[in-house]
Amino acid sequence: MIPSLATLPSLGLFFVIIFASYVFEDGAIALAAFVAVESVLAWHTALLAIFLGIASGDIALFLLGRYARRYRGLRARLLLMKGVRDARHLLRRHAFFNLFLIRFIPGLRTITYSLSGFLAIPLSTFLLSVGIATACWTGLIFWGAFTIEHSDWLAEKQLTGWAFALSIVLLVLINRFLRRRALPTPPKGSL
């Protein structure tokens, strides 16, 4: 266990996880799962911390978009952009499904969640979709961490630490792959 984290009181570690989620969300999920597996923080407390961190960050992006609607020049400029018009069409027709999927594609969350607020997607739809997707994503990572920790075979071969490290590397690689596949490539010669 990381000594500096082990010496933090539970409440301090709770807030470290929340604030870490604002900087590197998937790393914070891995940290929350790790401290839960190591029993430094109760699993339900770690899960609550990461859920609150992710949810508060997502809501802040949504509210930022909602606030941006107040600026007439920005609103007129954005609504004339083809990409925004396309996103508006997709988000208005299938808001729940699209917001759910975007949770799993890094690089799209910031702009899409802000755009959801800007386009006045109902807050209830946004919260429900993002909440369910966040619960699925964090639940999957926690399940994987506990599966690794309680694997007799990995413990017998003394590979538990390597399995955790490999899982984190795999998580980062999957996120990079999904980001590259989801984001359009700029045409040659453009900035």
C-alpha atoms as a PDB file:
ATOM      1  CA  MET A   1       0.000   0.000   0.000  1.00  0.00           C
ATOM      2  CA  ILE A   2       1.157   3.529  -0.702  1.00  0.00           C
ATOM      3  CA  PRO A   3       2.368   4.764   2.718  1.00  0.00           C
ATOM      4  CA  SER A   4       1.134   8.354   2.372  1.00  0.00           C
ATOM      5  CA  LEU A   5      -2.402   7.203   1.534  1.00  0.00           C
ATOM      6  CA  ALA A   6      -2.430   4.626   4.320  1.00  0.00           C
ATOM      7  CA  THR A   7      -1.720   7.336   6.889  1.00  0.00           C
ATOM      8  CA  LEU A   8      -4.608   9.557   5.798  1.00  0.00           C
ATOM      9  CA  PRO A   9      -7.761   9.457   7.884  1.00  0.00           C
ATOM     10  CA  SER A  10     -10.751   7.883   6.137  1.00  0.00           C
ATOM     11  CA  LEU A  11     -12.422  11.240   5.566  1.00  0.00           C
ATOM     12  CA  GLY A  12      -9.235  12.639   4.039  1.00  0.00           C
ATOM     13  CA  LEU A  13      -8.902   9.675   1.690  1.00  0.00           C
ATOM     14  CA  PHE A  14     -12.585  10.047   0.795  1.00  0.00           C
ATOM     15  CA  PHE A  15     -11.930  13.614  -0.412  1.00  0.00           C
ATOM     16  CA  VAL A  16      -8.647  12.678  -2.123  1.00  0.00           C
ATOM     17  CA  ILE A  17     -10.608  10.230  -4.275  1.00  0.00           C
ATOM     18  CA  ILE A  18     -13.261  12.843  -5.073  1.00  0.00           C
ATOM     19  CA  PHE A  19     -10.696  15.483  -6.093  1.00  0.00           C
ATOM     20  CA  ALA A  20      -8.576  12.945  -7.996  1.00  0.00           C
ATOM     21  CA  SER A  21     -11.629  12.143 -10.121  1.00  0.00           C
ATOM     22  CA  TYR A  22     -11.604  15.739 -11.411  1.00  0.00           C
ATOM     23  CA  VAL A  23      -8.037  15.318 -12.686  1.00  0.00           C
ATOM     24  CA  PHE A  24      -7.862  11.704 -13.889  1.00  0.00           C
ATOM     25  CA  GLU A  25     -11.188   9.947 -13.573  1.00  0.00           C
ATOM     26  CA  ASP A  26     -10.156   6.394 -14.432  1.00  0.00           C
ATOM     27  CA  GLY A  27      -7.071   6.645 -12.240  1.00  0.00           C
ATOM     28  CA  ALA A  28      -9.279   7.777  -9.363  1.00  0.00           C
ATOM     29  CA  ILE A  29     -11.594   4.801  -9.951  1.00  0.00           C
ATOM     30  CA  ALA A  30      -8.579   2.483  -9.851  1.00  0.00           C
ATOM     31  CA  LEU A  31      -7.355   4.210  -6.663  1.00  0.00           C
ATOM     32  CA  ALA A  32     -10.772   3.837  -5.013  1.00  0.00           C
ATOM     33  CA  ALA A  33     -10.928   0.157  -5.948  1.00  0.00           C
ATOM     34  CA  PHE A  34      -7.374  -0.405  -4.720  1.00  0.00           C
ATOM     35  CA  VAL A  35      -7.923   1.209  -1.293  1.00  0.00           C
ATOM     36  CA  ALA A  36     -11.161  -0.755  -0.945  1.00  0.00           C
ATOM     37  CA  VAL A  37      -9.436  -4.043  -1.787  1.00  0.00           C
ATOM     38  CA  GLU A  38      -6.605  -3.243   0.635  1.00  0.00           C
ATOM     39  CA  SER A  39      -9.228  -2.430   3.331  1.00  0.00           C
ATOM     40  CA  VAL A  40      -7.787   1.051   3.854  1.00  0.00           C
ATOM     41  CA  LEU A  41     -11.271   2.386   3.148  1.00  0.00           C
ATOM     42  CA  ALA A  42     -14.504   0.406   3.341  1.00  0.00           C
ATOM     43  CA  TRP A  43     -15.620  -0.614  -0.155  1.00  0.00           C
ATOM     44  CA  HIS A  44     -18.957   1.190   0.113  1.00  0.00           C
ATOM     45  CA  THR A  45     -17.195   4.397   1.244  1.00  0.00           C
ATOM     46  CA  ALA A  46     -14.675   4.200  -1.617  1.00  0.00           C
ATOM     47  CA  LEU A  47     -17.482   3.532  -4.089  1.00  0.00           C
ATOM     48  CA  LEU A  48     -19.477   6.487  -2.740  1.00  0.00           C
ATOM     49  CA  ALA A  49     -16.415   8.766  -2.981  1.00  0.00           C
ATOM     50  CA  ILE A  50     -15.730   7.910  -6.609  1.00  0.00           C
ATOM     51  CA  PHE A  51     -19.405   8.138  -7.519  1.00  0.00           C
ATOM     52  CA  LEU A  52     -19.697  11.586  -5.890  1.00  0.00           C
ATOM     53  CA  GLY A  53     -16.523  12.766  -7.602  1.00  0.00           C
ATOM     54  CA  ILE A  54     -17.622  11.647 -11.051  1.00  0.00           C
ATOM     55  CA  ALA A  55     -21.224  12.801 -10.634  1.00  0.00           C
ATOM     56  CA  SER A  56     -20.273  16.239  -9.313  1.00  0.00           C
ATOM     57  CA  GLY A  57     -17.808  16.731 -12.178  1.00  0.00           C
ATOM     58  CA  ASP A  58     -20.409  15.700 -14.754  1.00  0.00           C
ATOM     59  CA  ILE A  59     -23.046  17.957 -13.215  1.00  0.00           C
ATOM     60  CA  ALA A  60     -20.584  20.864 -13.191  1.00  0.00           C
ATOM     61  CA  LEU A  61     -19.988  20.388 -16.932  1.00  0.00           C
ATOM     62  CA  PHE A  62     -23.732  20.267 -17.561  1.00  0.00           C
ATOM     63  CA  LEU A  63     -24.316  23.444 -15.537  1.00  0.00           C
ATOM     64  CA  LEU A  64     -21.445  25.184 -17.310  1.00  0.00           C
ATOM     65  CA  GLY A  65     -23.186  24.469 -20.616  1.00  0.00           C
ATOM     66  CA  ARG A  66     -26.493  25.657 -19.217  1.00  0.00           C
ATOM     67  CA  TYR A  67     -24.845  28.875 -18.025  1.00  0.00           C
ATOM     68  CA  ALA A  68     -23.237  29.436 -21.452  1.00  0.00           C
ATOM     69  CA  ARG A  69     -26.732  29.729 -22.981  1.00  0.00           C
ATOM     70  CA  ARG A  70     -27.024  33.155 -21.367  1.00  0.00           C
ATOM     71  CA  TYR A  71     -24.515  34.640 -23.803  1.00  0.00           C
ATOM     72  CA  ARG A  72     -26.358  35.524 -26.984  1.00  0.00           C
ATOM     73  CA  GLY A  73     -23.241  35.780 -29.206  1.00  0.00           C
ATOM     74  CA  LEU A  74     -21.942  32.401 -28.066  1.00  0.00           C
ATOM     75  CA  ARG A  75     -25.354  30.818 -28.458  1.00  0.00           C
ATOM     76  CA  ALA A  76     -25.759  32.152 -32.010  1.00  0.00           C
ATOM     77  CA  ARG A  77     -22.248  31.107 -32.990  1.00  0.00           C
ATOM     78  CA  LEU A  78     -22.511  27.592 -31.578  1.00  0.00           C
ATOM     79  CA  LEU A  79     -25.937  26.876 -32.985  1.00  0.00           C
ATOM     80  CA  LEU A  80     -24.685  27.683 -36.498  1.00  0.00           C
ATOM     81  CA  MET A  81     -21.851  25.138 -36.321  1.00  0.00           C
ATOM     82  CA  LYS A  82     -22.556  21.898 -38.194  1.00  0.00           C
ATOM     83  CA  GLY A  83     -21.070  19.692 -35.455  1.00  0.00           C
ATOM     84  CA  VAL A  84     -23.264  21.311 -32.832  1.00  0.00           C
ATOM     85  CA  ARG A  85     -26.347  20.935 -35.027  1.00  0.00           C
ATOM     86  CA  ASP A  86     -25.549  17.226 -35.527  1.00  0.00           C
ATOM     87  CA  ALA A  87     -24.968  16.728 -31.799  1.00  0.00           C
ATOM     88  CA  ARG A  88     -28.191  18.602 -31.063  1.00  0.00           C
ATOM     89  CA  HIS A  89     -30.102  16.237 -33.328  1.00  0.00           C
ATOM     90  CA  LEU A  90     -28.580  13.140 -31.711  1.00  0.00           C
ATOM     91  CA  LEU A  91     -28.932  14.367 -28.160  1.00  0.00           C
ATOM     92  CA  ARG A  92     -32.515  15.484 -28.561  1.00  0.00           C
ATOM     93  CA  ARG A  93     -33.670  12.278 -30.271  1.00  0.00           C
ATOM     94  CA  HIS A  94     -31.792   9.706 -28.175  1.00  0.00           C
ATOM     95  CA  ALA A  95     -30.486  11.658 -25.197  1.00  0.00           C
ATOM     96  CA  PHE A  96     -30.493   8.843 -22.648  1.00  0.00           C
ATOM     97  CA  PHE A  97     -28.790   6.283 -24.893  1.00  0.00           C
ATOM     98  CA  ASN A  98     -26.177   8.677 -26.300  1.00  0.00           C
ATOM     99  CA  LEU A  99     -25.254  10.122 -22.913  1.00  0.00           C
ATOM    100  CA  PHE A 100     -24.969   6.595 -21.541  1.00  0.00           C
ATOM    101  CA  LEU A 101     -22.561   5.571 -24.316  1.00  0.00           C
ATOM    102  CA  ILE A 102     -20.475   8.731 -24.061  1.00  0.00           C
ATOM    103  CA  ARG A 103     -19.588   7.841 -20.459  1.00  0.00           C
ATOM    104  CA  PHE A 104     -17.442   5.003 -21.847  1.00  0.00           C
ATOM    105  CA  ILE A 105     -15.643   7.068 -24.513  1.00  0.00           C
ATOM    106  CA  PRO A 106     -12.954   9.330 -23.065  1.00  0.00           C
ATOM    107  CA  GLY A 107     -12.435  12.626 -24.784  1.00  0.00           C
ATOM    108  CA  LEU A 108     -16.104  13.107 -25.570  1.00  0.00           C
ATOM    109  CA  ARG A 109     -17.493  13.508 -22.068  1.00  0.00           C
ATOM    110  CA  THR A 110     -16.383  17.084 -21.455  1.00  0.00           C
ATOM    111  CA  ILE A 111     -17.771  18.539 -24.652  1.00  0.00           C
ATOM    112  CA  THR A 112     -20.909  16.379 -24.759  1.00  0.00           C
ATOM    113  CA  TYR A 113     -21.893  16.952 -21.149  1.00  0.00           C
ATOM    114  CA  SER A 114     -21.360  20.712 -21.536  1.00  0.00           C
ATOM    115  CA  LEU A 115     -23.274  20.654 -24.806  1.00  0.00           C
ATOM    116  CA  SER A 116     -26.110  18.775 -23.078  1.00  0.00           C
ATOM    117  CA  GLY A 117     -26.544  21.679 -20.693  1.00  0.00           C
ATOM    118  CA  PHE A 118     -26.207  24.186 -23.503  1.00  0.00           C
ATOM    119  CA  LEU A 119     -28.849  22.398 -25.589  1.00  0.00           C
ATOM    120  CA  ALA A 120     -31.199  22.241 -22.577  1.00  0.00           C
ATOM    121  CA  ILE A 121     -31.397  18.452 -22.362  1.00  0.00           C
ATOM    122  CA  PRO A 122     -33.632  17.765 -19.346  1.00  0.00           C
ATOM    123  CA  LEU A 123     -31.555  17.527 -16.170  1.00  0.00           C
ATOM    124  CA  SER A 124     -33.472  14.413 -15.089  1.00  0.00           C
ATOM    125  CA  THR A 125     -32.549  12.591 -18.324  1.00  0.00           C
ATOM    126  CA  PHE A 126     -28.933  13.668 -17.975  1.00  0.00           C
ATOM    127  CA  LEU A 127     -28.671  12.598 -14.327  1.00  0.00           C
ATOM    128  CA  LEU A 128     -30.367   9.248 -14.882  1.00  0.00           C
ATOM    129  CA  SER A 129     -28.280   8.338 -17.911  1.00  0.00           C
ATOM    130  CA  VAL A 130     -24.944   9.469 -16.505  1.00  0.00           C
ATOM    131  CA  GLY A 131     -25.741   7.998 -13.089  1.00  0.00           C
ATOM    132  CA  ILE A 132     -26.535   4.543 -14.457  1.00  0.00           C
ATOM    133  CA  ALA A 133     -23.488   4.582 -16.763  1.00  0.00           C
ATOM    134  CA  THR A 134     -21.217   5.695 -13.909  1.00  0.00           C
ATOM    135  CA  ALA A 135     -22.597   2.976 -11.643  1.00  0.00           C
ATOM    136  CA  CYS A 136     -21.974   0.352 -14.344  1.00  0.00           C
ATOM    137  CA  TRP A 137     -18.433   1.566 -15.087  1.00  0.00           C
ATOM    138  CA  THR A 138     -17.296   1.897 -11.467  1.00  0.00           C
ATOM    139  CA  GLY A 139     -19.049  -1.337 -10.534  1.00  0.00           C
ATOM    140  CA  LEU A 140     -17.200  -3.178 -13.290  1.00  0.00           C
ATOM    141  CA  ILE A 141     -13.836  -1.838 -12.129  1.00  0.00           C
ATOM    142  CA  PHE A 142     -14.563  -2.624  -8.476  1.00  0.00           C
ATOM    143  CA  TRP A 143     -15.707  -6.119  -9.417  1.00  0.00           C
ATOM    144  CA  GLY A 144     -12.481  -6.656 -11.372  1.00  0.00           C
ATOM    145  CA  ALA A 145     -10.348  -5.410  -8.470  1.00  0.00           C
ATOM    146  CA  PHE A 146     -12.076  -7.680  -5.956  1.00  0.00           C
ATOM    147  CA  THR A 147     -11.868 -10.613  -8.367  1.00  0.00           C
ATOM    148  CA  ILE A 148      -8.111 -10.113  -8.703  1.00  0.00           C
ATOM    149  CA  GLU A 149      -7.652  -9.720  -4.964  1.00  0.00           C
ATOM    150  CA  HIS A 150      -9.611 -12.860  -4.109  1.00  0.00           C
ATOM    151  CA  SER A 151      -8.139 -15.086  -6.817  1.00  0.00           C
ATOM    152  CA  ASP A 152      -6.454 -18.033  -5.139  1.00  0.00           C
ATOM    153  CA  TRP A 153      -4.483 -18.817  -8.285  1.00  0.00           C
ATOM    154  CA  LEU A 154      -3.015 -15.296  -8.542  1.00  0.00           C
ATOM    155  CA  ALA A 155      -2.197 -15.304  -4.821  1.00  0.00           C
ATOM    156  CA  GLU A 156      -0.561 -18.726  -5.061  1.00  0.00           C
ATOM    157  CA  LYS A 157       1.624 -17.604  -7.980  1.00  0.00           C
ATOM    158  CA  GLN A 158       2.265 -14.236  -6.264  1.00  0.00           C
ATOM    159  CA  LEU A 159       0.887 -12.374  -9.286  1.00  0.00           C
ATOM    160  CA  THR A 160      -1.773 -10.251  -7.595  1.00  0.00           C
ATOM    161  CA  GLY A 161       0.264  -7.023  -7.783  1.00  0.00           C
ATOM    162  CA  TRP A 162       1.147  -7.680 -11.423  1.00  0.00           C
ATOM    163  CA  ALA A 163      -2.512  -8.342 -12.224  1.00  0.00           C
ATOM    164  CA  PHE A 164      -3.479  -4.984 -10.700  1.00  0.00           C
ATOM    165  CA  ALA A 165      -0.740  -3.188 -12.637  1.00  0.00           C
ATOM    166  CA  LEU A 166      -1.717  -4.938 -15.880  1.00  0.00           C
ATOM    167  CA  SER A 167      -5.379  -4.027 -15.299  1.00  0.00           C
ATOM    168  CA  ILE A 168      -4.528  -0.351 -14.911  1.00  0.00           C
ATOM    169  CA  VAL A 169      -2.348  -0.365 -18.029  1.00  0.00           C
ATOM    170  CA  LEU A 170      -5.112  -2.163 -19.922  1.00  0.00           C
ATOM    171  CA  LEU A 171      -7.674   0.396 -18.734  1.00  0.00           C
ATOM    172  CA  VAL A 172      -5.497   3.283 -19.958  1.00  0.00           C
ATOM    173  CA  LEU A 173      -4.859   1.577 -23.317  1.00  0.00           C
ATOM    174  CA  ILE A 174      -8.561   0.855 -23.866  1.00  0.00           C
ATOM    175  CA  ASN A 175      -9.381   4.490 -23.093  1.00  0.00           C
ATOM    176  CA  ARG A 176      -6.764   5.743 -25.554  1.00  0.00           C
ATOM    177  CA  PHE A 177      -8.026   3.348 -28.226  1.00  0.00           C
ATOM    178  CA  LEU A 178     -11.647   4.413 -27.719  1.00  0.00           C
ATOM    179  CA  ARG A 179     -10.670   8.085 -27.778  1.00  0.00           C
ATOM    180  CA  ARG A 180      -8.824   7.700 -31.080  1.00  0.00           C
ATOM    181  CA  ARG A 181     -11.723   5.791 -32.617  1.00  0.00           C
ATOM    182  CA  ALA A 182     -14.347   8.280 -31.417  1.00  0.00           C
ATOM    183  CA  LEU A 183     -12.659  11.577 -32.175  1.00  0.00           C
ATOM    184  CA  PRO A 184     -12.522  12.660 -35.812  1.00  0.00           C
ATOM    185  CA  THR A 185      -9.098  13.093 -37.349  1.00  0.00           C
ATOM    186  CA  PRO A 186      -8.413  16.595 -38.638  1.00  0.00           C
ATOM    187  CA  PRO A 187      -7.783  16.929 -42.368  1.00  0.00           C
ATOM    188  CA  LYS A 188      -4.160  17.184 -43.483  1.00  0.00           C
ATOM    189  CA  GLY A 189      -2.826  20.687 -43.536  1.00  0.00           C
ATOM    190  CA  SER A 190      -5.159  21.956 -40.790  1.00  0.00           C
ATOM    191  CA  LEU A 191      -4.066  22.978 -37.315  1.00  0.00           C
END
